[in-house]
């Protein structure tokens, strides 16, 4: 049975914003390895639209960016949206019965499936479907933005913490 993992970069004051801070080379390499080891990703519409950047090669990319793009492209993706009519390569649209579709997905796969996007994670948390939360805590304060937890923080238990690179701490929690 697959495990759903919600993992995102977060500021010290609890916000996620891919435009406000970026991963160091060490953390980016970590994310490449994470994506290579996952059996798929579940995206909300907005996060999927952001990640579609990796569908096309860009001439300014370095080897690490090409490696991330290659891993992302080969990974199966499920996109939860009622408004989208189609999705890109290696992706499937989930329009109805979120609980049933994700429950089935977990049952038919083995390994780790990433959950991407705070709003989607909030819905999946309410359904009791997220198995692990990973916060990549960056030493920045944004003061505004989209919070990591889109609703009330669920009861969690810290299971591990480790440093990645010079200034990021990964905090790993499971539902309490």
N, C-alpha and C. Protein backbone atom coordinates (compact mmCIF):
# COMPACT_ATOMS: atom_id res chain seq x y z
N UNK A 1 0.84 -1.18 0.00
CA UNK A 1 0.00 0.00 0.00
C UNK A 1 0.88 1.24 0.00
N UNK A 2 0.52 2.19 -0.83
CA UNK A 2 1.30 3.43 -0.93
C UNK A 2 1.03 4.34 0.26
N UNK A 3 2.00 5.22 0.50
CA UNK A 3 1.88 6.23 1.56
C UNK A 3 1.82 7.60 0.90
N UNK A 4 0.86 8.43 1.34
CA UNK A 4 0.77 9.80 0.85
C UNK A 4 1.60 10.71 1.74
N UNK A 5 2.48 11.49 1.12
CA UNK A 5 3.38 12.39 1.85
C UNK A 5 3.20 13.80 1.33
N UNK A 6 2.84 14.72 2.22
CA UNK A 6 2.75 16.14 1.87
C UNK A 6 4.05 16.80 2.29
N UNK A 7 4.82 17.28 1.30
CA UNK A 7 6.14 17.87 1.56
C UNK A 7 6.27 19.17 0.80
N UNK A 8 6.65 20.23 1.52
CA UNK A 8 6.86 21.53 0.87
C UNK A 8 7.87 22.35 1.63
N UNK A 9 8.49 23.29 0.91
CA UNK A 9 9.33 24.29 1.55
C UNK A 9 8.43 25.25 2.32
N UNK A 10 8.92 25.68 3.50
CA UNK A 10 8.13 26.58 4.33
C UNK A 10 9.03 27.64 4.96
N UNK A 11 8.51 28.85 5.08
CA UNK A 11 9.22 29.91 5.78
C UNK A 11 9.08 29.70 7.29
N UNK A 12 9.87 30.41 8.06
CA UNK A 12 9.79 30.31 9.52
C UNK A 12 8.41 30.68 10.05
N UNK A 13 7.72 31.58 9.34
CA UNK A 13 6.39 31.99 9.80
C UNK A 13 5.27 31.20 9.13
N UNK A 14 5.60 30.07 8.52
CA UNK A 14 4.58 29.12 8.09
C UNK A 14 4.04 29.23 6.68
N UNK A 15 4.71 29.99 5.81
CA UNK A 15 4.19 30.18 4.46
C UNK A 15 5.00 29.41 3.42
N UNK A 16 4.30 29.04 2.34
CA UNK A 16 4.92 28.39 1.19
C UNK A 16 4.81 29.35 0.01
N UNK A 17 5.91 29.60 -0.67
CA UNK A 17 5.90 30.50 -1.81
C UNK A 17 7.15 30.22 -2.64
N UNK A 18 6.95 29.52 -3.76
CA UNK A 18 8.09 29.13 -4.59
C UNK A 18 8.81 30.33 -5.21
N UNK A 19 8.17 31.50 -5.21
CA UNK A 19 8.81 32.68 -5.79
C UNK A 19 9.60 33.48 -4.76
N UNK A 20 9.38 33.23 -3.47
CA UNK A 20 10.01 34.03 -2.41
C UNK A 20 11.37 33.48 -1.97
N UNK A 21 11.55 32.18 -2.08
CA UNK A 21 12.84 31.58 -1.73
C UNK A 21 12.99 30.27 -2.50
N UNK A 22 14.22 29.91 -2.75
CA UNK A 22 14.51 28.74 -3.59
C UNK A 22 15.42 27.77 -2.84
N UNK A 23 15.40 26.51 -3.24
CA UNK A 23 16.29 25.55 -2.60
C UNK A 23 17.74 25.78 -2.98
N UNK A 24 18.63 25.50 -2.05
CA UNK A 24 20.06 25.53 -2.32
C UNK A 24 20.39 24.38 -3.28
N UNK A 25 21.58 24.37 -3.85
CA UNK A 25 21.96 23.23 -4.71
C UNK A 25 21.86 21.88 -3.98
N UNK A 26 22.23 21.86 -2.71
CA UNK A 26 22.14 20.61 -1.93
C UNK A 26 20.70 20.16 -1.77
N UNK A 27 19.83 21.09 -1.44
CA UNK A 27 18.41 20.76 -1.26
C UNK A 27 17.78 20.38 -2.61
N UNK A 28 18.17 21.05 -3.68
CA UNK A 28 17.63 20.71 -4.99
C UNK A 28 18.02 19.29 -5.37
N UNK A 29 19.27 18.90 -5.10
CA UNK A 29 19.72 17.52 -5.36
C UNK A 29 18.88 16.54 -4.53
N UNK A 30 18.59 16.91 -3.28
CA UNK A 30 17.73 16.09 -2.41
C UNK A 30 16.35 15.90 -3.07
N UNK A 31 15.78 16.99 -3.59
CA UNK A 31 14.46 16.90 -4.23
C UNK A 31 14.50 16.04 -5.49
N UNK A 32 15.58 16.10 -6.24
CA UNK A 32 15.71 15.21 -7.41
C UNK A 32 15.64 13.76 -6.97
N UNK A 33 16.39 13.41 -5.94
CA UNK A 33 16.39 12.04 -5.43
C UNK A 33 15.02 11.64 -4.89
N UNK A 34 14.34 12.58 -4.24
CA UNK A 34 12.99 12.30 -3.73
C UNK A 34 12.05 11.96 -4.89
N UNK A 35 12.05 12.78 -5.93
CA UNK A 35 11.16 12.56 -7.07
C UNK A 35 11.50 11.24 -7.76
N UNK A 36 12.78 10.94 -7.89
CA UNK A 36 13.19 9.68 -8.52
C UNK A 36 12.69 8.46 -7.73
N UNK A 37 12.54 8.61 -6.42
CA UNK A 37 12.12 7.49 -5.58
C UNK A 37 10.62 7.36 -5.39
N UNK A 38 9.85 8.34 -5.83
CA UNK A 38 8.40 8.30 -5.64
C UNK A 38 7.72 7.49 -6.74
N UNK A 39 6.56 6.94 -6.39
CA UNK A 39 5.79 6.20 -7.38
C UNK A 39 4.75 7.08 -8.06
N UNK A 40 4.70 8.35 -7.67
CA UNK A 40 3.79 9.28 -8.31
C UNK A 40 3.56 10.51 -7.46
N UNK A 41 2.78 11.44 -8.01
CA UNK A 41 2.42 12.67 -7.31
C UNK A 41 0.96 12.98 -7.55
N UNK A 42 0.33 13.56 -6.52
CA UNK A 42 -1.04 14.04 -6.62
C UNK A 42 -0.97 15.55 -6.47
N UNK A 43 -1.51 16.25 -7.45
CA UNK A 43 -1.45 17.70 -7.49
C UNK A 43 -2.83 18.32 -7.42
N UNK A 44 -2.92 19.47 -6.75
CA UNK A 44 -4.05 20.36 -6.93
C UNK A 44 -3.81 21.13 -8.21
N UNK A 45 -4.86 21.76 -8.72
CA UNK A 45 -4.76 22.46 -10.00
C UNK A 45 -3.67 23.53 -10.03
N UNK A 46 -3.64 24.40 -9.03
CA UNK A 46 -2.67 25.50 -9.05
C UNK A 46 -1.23 24.99 -8.99
N UNK A 47 -0.96 24.02 -8.13
CA UNK A 47 0.41 23.51 -8.02
C UNK A 47 0.80 22.76 -9.29
N UNK A 48 -0.14 22.05 -9.89
CA UNK A 48 0.16 21.36 -11.14
C UNK A 48 0.52 22.37 -12.23
N UNK A 49 -0.22 23.48 -12.30
CA UNK A 49 0.08 24.49 -13.30
C UNK A 49 1.47 25.08 -13.10
N UNK A 50 1.89 25.26 -11.86
CA UNK A 50 3.25 25.74 -11.57
C UNK A 50 4.27 24.70 -12.04
N UNK A 51 4.02 23.44 -11.73
CA UNK A 51 4.98 22.38 -12.03
C UNK A 51 5.06 22.04 -13.52
N UNK A 52 4.08 22.43 -14.30
CA UNK A 52 4.12 22.18 -15.75
C UNK A 52 5.34 22.85 -16.39
N UNK A 53 5.96 23.77 -15.69
CA UNK A 53 7.22 24.39 -16.14
C UNK A 53 8.23 23.32 -16.54
N UNK A 54 8.22 22.19 -15.84
CA UNK A 54 9.21 21.13 -16.06
C UNK A 54 8.90 20.25 -17.27
N UNK A 55 7.77 20.49 -17.93
CA UNK A 55 7.42 19.71 -19.12
C UNK A 55 8.28 20.07 -20.33
N UNK A 56 8.77 21.29 -20.37
CA UNK A 56 9.54 21.75 -21.53
C UNK A 56 10.97 22.08 -21.13
N UNK A 57 11.92 21.70 -21.98
CA UNK A 57 13.32 22.05 -21.72
C UNK A 57 13.53 23.55 -21.91
N UNK A 58 14.44 24.09 -21.11
CA UNK A 58 14.80 25.50 -21.20
C UNK A 58 16.31 25.59 -21.42
N UNK A 59 16.76 26.42 -22.35
CA UNK A 59 18.18 26.46 -22.70
C UNK A 59 19.09 26.88 -21.54
N UNK A 60 18.57 27.61 -20.57
CA UNK A 60 19.39 28.08 -19.45
C UNK A 60 19.57 27.03 -18.34
N UNK A 61 18.92 25.90 -18.46
CA UNK A 61 19.01 24.88 -17.41
C UNK A 61 20.41 24.29 -17.31
N UNK A 62 20.78 23.94 -16.07
CA UNK A 62 22.01 23.19 -15.84
C UNK A 62 21.67 21.70 -15.75
N UNK A 63 22.68 20.89 -15.48
CA UNK A 63 22.48 19.43 -15.44
C UNK A 63 21.48 19.02 -14.36
N UNK A 64 21.51 19.70 -13.22
CA UNK A 64 20.58 19.35 -12.12
C UNK A 64 19.13 19.62 -12.53
N UNK A 65 18.90 20.73 -13.18
CA UNK A 65 17.54 21.06 -13.62
C UNK A 65 17.06 20.07 -14.68
N UNK A 66 17.94 19.65 -15.56
CA UNK A 66 17.57 18.61 -16.53
C UNK A 66 17.24 17.30 -15.82
N UNK A 67 18.00 16.97 -14.77
CA UNK A 67 17.76 15.73 -14.02
C UNK A 67 16.40 15.79 -13.32
N UNK A 68 16.08 16.94 -12.72
CA UNK A 68 14.78 17.07 -12.06
C UNK A 68 13.66 16.94 -13.08
N UNK A 69 13.79 17.64 -14.20
CA UNK A 69 12.76 17.58 -15.25
C UNK A 69 12.55 16.15 -15.73
N UNK A 70 13.64 15.42 -15.95
CA UNK A 70 13.53 14.03 -16.42
C UNK A 70 12.79 13.17 -15.40
N UNK A 71 13.12 13.34 -14.13
CA UNK A 71 12.44 12.56 -13.08
C UNK A 71 10.97 12.94 -13.00
N UNK A 72 10.67 14.23 -13.08
CA UNK A 72 9.29 14.69 -12.98
C UNK A 72 8.45 14.21 -14.16
N UNK A 73 9.03 14.24 -15.33
CA UNK A 73 8.29 13.85 -16.54
C UNK A 73 7.92 12.37 -16.53
N UNK A 74 8.80 11.53 -16.01
CA UNK A 74 8.54 10.09 -16.04
C UNK A 74 7.60 9.64 -14.92
N UNK A 75 7.40 10.48 -13.94
CA UNK A 75 6.58 10.12 -12.79
C UNK A 75 5.08 10.23 -13.12
N UNK A 76 4.28 9.22 -12.78
CA UNK A 76 2.83 9.35 -12.95
C UNK A 76 2.30 10.48 -12.06
N UNK A 77 1.31 11.21 -12.62
CA UNK A 77 0.74 12.33 -11.89
C UNK A 77 -0.79 12.23 -11.94
N UNK A 78 -1.42 12.58 -10.83
CA UNK A 78 -2.87 12.66 -10.74
C UNK A 78 -3.19 14.10 -10.35
N UNK A 79 -4.06 14.74 -11.12
CA UNK A 79 -4.37 16.14 -10.90
C UNK A 79 -5.82 16.26 -10.47
N UNK A 80 -6.02 16.80 -9.28
CA UNK A 80 -7.35 16.95 -8.71
C UNK A 80 -7.89 18.32 -9.11
N UNK A 81 -8.94 18.31 -9.94
CA UNK A 81 -9.51 19.57 -10.40
C UNK A 81 -10.90 19.33 -10.98
N UNK A 82 -11.82 20.23 -10.67
CA UNK A 82 -13.13 20.19 -11.30
C UNK A 82 -13.18 21.15 -12.50
N UNK A 83 -12.22 22.07 -12.58
CA UNK A 83 -12.27 23.08 -13.64
C UNK A 83 -11.41 22.73 -14.86
N UNK A 84 -10.37 21.94 -14.69
CA UNK A 84 -9.52 21.58 -15.83
C UNK A 84 -10.23 20.57 -16.72
N UNK A 85 -10.00 20.68 -18.00
CA UNK A 85 -10.60 19.73 -18.96
C UNK A 85 -9.58 18.71 -19.45
N UNK A 86 -8.29 19.04 -19.34
CA UNK A 86 -7.25 18.11 -19.77
C UNK A 86 -5.98 18.38 -18.97
N UNK A 87 -5.09 17.40 -18.98
CA UNK A 87 -3.80 17.52 -18.29
C UNK A 87 -2.70 17.08 -19.26
N UNK A 88 -1.47 17.36 -18.89
CA UNK A 88 -0.33 17.09 -19.75
C UNK A 88 0.10 15.63 -19.76
N UNK A 89 1.30 15.40 -20.29
CA UNK A 89 1.83 14.04 -20.41
C UNK A 89 1.96 13.35 -19.06
N UNK A 90 1.70 12.05 -19.08
CA UNK A 90 1.88 11.20 -17.90
C UNK A 90 1.04 11.66 -16.71
N UNK A 91 -0.10 12.27 -16.99
CA UNK A 91 -0.99 12.76 -15.93
C UNK A 91 -2.42 12.32 -16.20
N UNK A 92 -3.14 12.16 -15.10
CA UNK A 92 -4.56 11.76 -15.18
C UNK A 92 -5.37 12.73 -14.34
N UNK A 93 -6.51 13.12 -14.82
CA UNK A 93 -7.38 14.06 -14.14
C UNK A 93 -8.28 13.31 -13.15
N UNK A 94 -8.37 13.83 -11.93
CA UNK A 94 -9.29 13.32 -10.91
C UNK A 94 -10.32 14.42 -10.68
N UNK A 95 -11.55 14.18 -11.15
CA UNK A 95 -12.57 15.22 -11.10
C UNK A 95 -13.61 14.99 -10.01
N UNK A 96 -13.89 13.77 -9.68
CA UNK A 96 -14.94 13.45 -8.70
C UNK A 96 -14.44 12.40 -7.72
N UNK A 97 -15.13 12.28 -6.61
CA UNK A 97 -14.87 11.28 -5.58
C UNK A 97 -13.40 11.24 -5.17
N UNK A 98 -12.94 12.36 -4.61
CA UNK A 98 -11.55 12.47 -4.19
C UNK A 98 -11.16 11.33 -3.25
N UNK A 99 -11.98 11.07 -2.25
CA UNK A 99 -11.66 10.04 -1.27
C UNK A 99 -11.53 8.67 -1.93
N UNK A 100 -12.47 8.32 -2.79
CA UNK A 100 -12.44 7.03 -3.47
C UNK A 100 -11.25 6.90 -4.42
N UNK A 101 -11.00 7.95 -5.20
CA UNK A 101 -9.91 7.92 -6.18
C UNK A 101 -8.55 7.80 -5.49
N UNK A 102 -8.34 8.58 -4.43
CA UNK A 102 -7.04 8.54 -3.75
C UNK A 102 -6.91 7.26 -2.92
N UNK A 103 -7.99 6.81 -2.32
CA UNK A 103 -7.95 5.54 -1.60
C UNK A 103 -7.59 4.39 -2.53
N UNK A 104 -8.16 4.40 -3.72
CA UNK A 104 -7.85 3.37 -4.72
C UNK A 104 -6.39 3.46 -5.16
N UNK A 105 -5.94 4.67 -5.38
CA UNK A 105 -4.55 4.91 -5.78
C UNK A 105 -3.59 4.36 -4.73
N UNK A 106 -3.86 4.63 -3.47
CA UNK A 106 -3.01 4.12 -2.39
C UNK A 106 -3.03 2.60 -2.34
N UNK A 107 -4.18 2.01 -2.57
CA UNK A 107 -4.32 0.57 -2.50
C UNK A 107 -3.61 -0.16 -3.64
N UNK A 108 -3.58 0.45 -4.81
CA UNK A 108 -3.03 -0.24 -5.98
C UNK A 108 -1.53 -0.03 -6.19
N UNK A 109 -0.91 0.81 -5.39
CA UNK A 109 0.52 1.10 -5.55
C UNK A 109 1.28 0.78 -4.27
N UNK A 110 2.58 0.61 -4.41
CA UNK A 110 3.48 0.46 -3.27
C UNK A 110 4.52 1.56 -3.39
N UNK A 111 4.84 2.19 -2.27
CA UNK A 111 5.84 3.24 -2.27
C UNK A 111 5.25 4.55 -1.79
N UNK A 112 5.95 5.61 -2.13
CA UNK A 112 5.58 6.95 -1.67
C UNK A 112 4.96 7.76 -2.80
N UNK A 113 3.83 8.38 -2.49
CA UNK A 113 3.17 9.29 -3.43
C UNK A 113 3.18 10.67 -2.79
N UNK A 114 3.73 11.63 -3.53
CA UNK A 114 3.80 13.00 -3.04
C UNK A 114 2.44 13.67 -3.19
N UNK A 115 2.07 14.47 -2.20
CA UNK A 115 0.92 15.36 -2.29
C UNK A 115 1.48 16.76 -2.45
N UNK A 116 1.03 17.48 -3.48
CA UNK A 116 1.58 18.81 -3.75
C UNK A 116 0.46 19.84 -3.73
N UNK A 117 0.60 20.80 -2.83
CA UNK A 117 -0.34 21.90 -2.74
C UNK A 117 -1.08 21.91 -1.42
N UNK A 118 -1.05 23.04 -0.71
CA UNK A 118 -1.68 23.14 0.60
C UNK A 118 -3.19 22.92 0.59
N UNK A 119 -3.89 23.42 -0.42
CA UNK A 119 -5.34 23.25 -0.45
C UNK A 119 -5.71 21.77 -0.63
N UNK A 120 -5.03 21.11 -1.55
CA UNK A 120 -5.27 19.67 -1.74
C UNK A 120 -4.90 18.91 -0.47
N UNK A 121 -3.77 19.26 0.14
CA UNK A 121 -3.37 18.58 1.38
C UNK A 121 -4.41 18.77 2.48
N UNK A 122 -5.01 19.96 2.55
CA UNK A 122 -6.05 20.22 3.54
C UNK A 122 -7.23 19.26 3.32
N UNK A 123 -7.67 19.11 2.07
CA UNK A 123 -8.78 18.20 1.76
C UNK A 123 -8.43 16.76 2.10
N UNK A 124 -7.21 16.34 1.74
CA UNK A 124 -6.80 14.96 2.02
C UNK A 124 -6.59 14.72 3.51
N UNK A 125 -6.15 15.75 4.24
CA UNK A 125 -6.02 15.63 5.69
C UNK A 125 -7.39 15.41 6.32
N UNK A 126 -8.37 16.20 5.88
CA UNK A 126 -9.73 16.07 6.42
C UNK A 126 -10.29 14.68 6.17
N UNK A 127 -9.86 14.03 5.10
CA UNK A 127 -10.31 12.67 4.79
C UNK A 127 -9.46 11.60 5.47
N UNK A 128 -8.42 12.02 6.19
CA UNK A 128 -7.55 11.07 6.88
C UNK A 128 -6.64 10.28 5.96
N UNK A 129 -6.29 10.84 4.80
CA UNK A 129 -5.53 10.09 3.81
C UNK A 129 -4.04 10.39 3.79
N UNK A 130 -3.59 11.48 4.42
CA UNK A 130 -2.15 11.79 4.41
C UNK A 130 -1.46 11.01 5.52
N UNK A 131 -0.39 10.32 5.13
CA UNK A 131 0.35 9.47 6.07
C UNK A 131 1.54 10.17 6.70
N UNK A 132 2.05 11.22 6.04
CA UNK A 132 3.25 11.89 6.55
C UNK A 132 3.30 13.32 6.03
N UNK A 133 3.82 14.20 6.87
CA UNK A 133 4.00 15.61 6.52
C UNK A 133 5.49 15.91 6.65
N UNK A 134 6.06 16.52 5.59
CA UNK A 134 7.47 16.92 5.64
C UNK A 134 7.54 18.43 5.41
N UNK A 135 8.05 19.11 6.41
CA UNK A 135 8.23 20.56 6.31
C UNK A 135 9.72 20.82 6.12
N UNK A 136 10.05 21.45 5.01
CA UNK A 136 11.43 21.87 4.76
C UNK A 136 11.51 23.32 5.21
N UNK A 137 11.99 23.53 6.43
CA UNK A 137 11.96 24.83 7.08
C UNK A 137 13.16 25.67 6.68
N UNK A 138 12.88 26.82 6.04
CA UNK A 138 13.91 27.75 5.56
C UNK A 138 14.01 28.94 6.50
N UNK A 139 15.19 29.50 6.68
CA UNK A 139 15.39 30.64 7.59
C UNK A 139 15.00 31.98 6.95
N UNK A 140 13.76 32.07 6.52
CA UNK A 140 13.24 33.32 5.97
C UNK A 140 11.89 33.60 6.61
N UNK A 141 11.54 34.87 6.71
CA UNK A 141 10.23 35.29 7.21
C UNK A 141 9.56 36.06 6.09
N UNK A 142 8.37 35.61 5.70
CA UNK A 142 7.66 36.24 4.59
C UNK A 142 6.61 37.25 5.07
N UNK A 143 5.96 36.97 6.18
CA UNK A 143 4.95 37.88 6.69
C UNK A 143 3.60 37.78 6.02
N UNK A 144 3.49 37.01 4.95
CA UNK A 144 2.22 36.85 4.24
C UNK A 144 2.37 35.72 3.24
N UNK A 145 1.27 35.30 2.68
CA UNK A 145 1.32 34.29 1.65
C UNK A 145 0.38 33.15 1.93
N UNK A 146 0.63 32.05 1.27
CA UNK A 146 -0.17 30.83 1.41
C UNK A 146 0.42 30.00 2.53
N UNK A 147 -0.36 29.69 3.57
CA UNK A 147 0.19 28.88 4.65
C UNK A 147 0.36 27.41 4.26
N UNK A 148 1.35 26.77 4.87
CA UNK A 148 1.58 25.33 4.65
C UNK A 148 0.31 24.56 4.99
N UNK A 149 -0.31 24.86 6.12
CA UNK A 149 -1.58 24.25 6.50
C UNK A 149 -2.70 25.19 6.08
N UNK A 150 -3.50 24.78 5.10
CA UNK A 150 -4.57 25.62 4.57
C UNK A 150 -5.74 25.74 5.54
N UNK A 151 -5.78 24.91 6.54
CA UNK A 151 -6.82 24.96 7.56
C UNK A 151 -6.17 24.75 8.91
N UNK A 152 -6.97 24.39 9.90
CA UNK A 152 -6.38 24.12 11.22
C UNK A 152 -5.33 23.02 11.13
N UNK A 153 -4.25 23.19 11.88
CA UNK A 153 -3.20 22.17 11.88
C UNK A 153 -3.75 20.90 12.52
N UNK A 154 -3.62 19.78 11.83
CA UNK A 154 -4.09 18.52 12.41
C UNK A 154 -3.18 18.10 13.56
N UNK A 155 -3.67 17.24 14.45
CA UNK A 155 -2.79 16.73 15.50
C UNK A 155 -1.67 15.89 14.88
N UNK A 156 -0.43 16.26 15.19
CA UNK A 156 0.73 15.61 14.58
C UNK A 156 1.72 15.18 15.65
N UNK A 157 2.53 14.18 15.28
CA UNK A 157 3.62 13.71 16.14
C UNK A 157 4.91 13.76 15.34
N UNK A 158 5.92 14.44 15.89
CA UNK A 158 7.22 14.54 15.23
C UNK A 158 7.91 13.17 15.26
N UNK A 159 8.36 12.72 14.09
CA UNK A 159 9.04 11.43 14.03
C UNK A 159 10.53 11.56 13.71
N UNK A 160 10.89 12.66 13.04
CA UNK A 160 12.32 12.88 12.77
C UNK A 160 12.57 14.32 12.36
N UNK A 161 13.83 14.68 12.44
CA UNK A 161 14.28 15.99 11.97
C UNK A 161 15.72 15.82 11.52
N UNK A 162 16.05 16.49 10.43
CA UNK A 162 17.42 16.43 9.95
C UNK A 162 17.73 17.68 9.15
N UNK A 163 19.00 17.97 9.10
CA UNK A 163 19.49 19.16 8.40
C UNK A 163 19.82 18.77 6.98
N UNK A 164 19.41 19.62 6.05
CA UNK A 164 19.73 19.40 4.64
C UNK A 164 20.43 20.66 4.15
N UNK A 165 21.67 20.51 3.76
CA UNK A 165 22.44 21.68 3.37
C UNK A 165 22.83 22.49 4.59
N UNK A 166 23.10 23.75 4.36
CA UNK A 166 23.58 24.60 5.45
C UNK A 166 22.49 25.20 6.31
N UNK A 167 21.29 25.38 5.75
CA UNK A 167 20.32 26.15 6.53
C UNK A 167 18.88 25.65 6.50
N UNK A 168 18.63 24.46 5.99
CA UNK A 168 17.27 23.93 5.95
C UNK A 168 17.15 22.74 6.89
N UNK A 169 16.05 22.72 7.62
CA UNK A 169 15.75 21.58 8.50
C UNK A 169 14.49 20.92 7.99
N UNK A 170 14.57 19.60 7.79
CA UNK A 170 13.37 18.83 7.41
C UNK A 170 12.77 18.27 8.68
N UNK A 171 11.51 18.63 8.89
CA UNK A 171 10.75 18.11 10.03
C UNK A 171 9.75 17.11 9.48
N UNK A 172 9.74 15.91 10.03
CA UNK A 172 8.83 14.87 9.55
C UNK A 172 7.83 14.53 10.64
N UNK A 173 6.56 14.62 10.29
CA UNK A 173 5.46 14.37 11.22
C UNK A 173 4.54 13.31 10.66
N UNK A 174 3.85 12.61 11.56
CA UNK A 174 2.77 11.71 11.18
C UNK A 174 1.53 12.12 11.97
N UNK A 175 0.35 11.75 11.48
CA UNK A 175 -0.85 12.07 12.25
C UNK A 175 -0.78 11.44 13.64
N UNK A 176 -1.17 12.21 14.63
CA UNK A 176 -1.12 11.71 16.02
C UNK A 176 -2.33 10.86 16.33
